[in-house]
Amino acid sequence: MRSVIAALLLSGLALAGAEIPRPSPEYAFTLPGGQQELLSKYKGKVVVMEFLFTTCPHCQKSATVLSRLQKEYGPKGLQVLGVAINPTPDIAGFTRQYATGFPVGMGTRDSAYSYLQQSIMSQNFYVPQMVFVDKKGVIRGQFSGNDAFMGEQQETNMRAMIDKLLAEPGGSKPASAKPSAVKAKHVKKVS
């Protein structure tokens, strides 16, 4: 009986998380001028997408780090995108105060939950949510604001991930880019 309960609990936990790697679905968000920005516009580049609250100190810190990384790695093929998902975000104030060197727009929480493969009932949704998409359009890393990846070594961790993804060739998907069967709540895998 205990083994059946343990198996059910483990399978429930596995279903609660997102598969990594997985093909990135299209994602659209609205820029301050009202125009729609599409993630697919950046296929062929390494994309780091930060889902954030403009009022969140951790999101503000991450945006500052990402601005530095965009400036340094942009010419090498990196594109950082910011998507504010808090109600009525002050995007103009956020981009001005934190000198974001990348596009920041507005999305909905529901669209973010869907993209991140998170349940809207999740009580473990912390911002910022950071997603790393490779040149082929495959999500290779996804990290929640409470993940160790986002801790004291955040910039070092981001640099390592970006360096690895930029070093990979672009073009058609290799067989290893297919989604794995492993699911976890906070996946840190880079394959």
Foldseek 3Di string as FASTA:
>chain_A
DVVVVVVVVVVVQQLQFDFPWAFQDWDWFAFPVGDIDIPVVLQQAKEKEWEAALPDPLQLVVQLLVQVVCVVCVVLGYAYEYEYADPPGPVVVSCVVSVRPHTYGYDHPVRVCVRRVHDPPDPPAAPTWIWIAANRRITHAIAGCVDPCSPPCVSVSVVVLNVVRSPDDHDHDDPVSHTDPTGHHHDGGGD
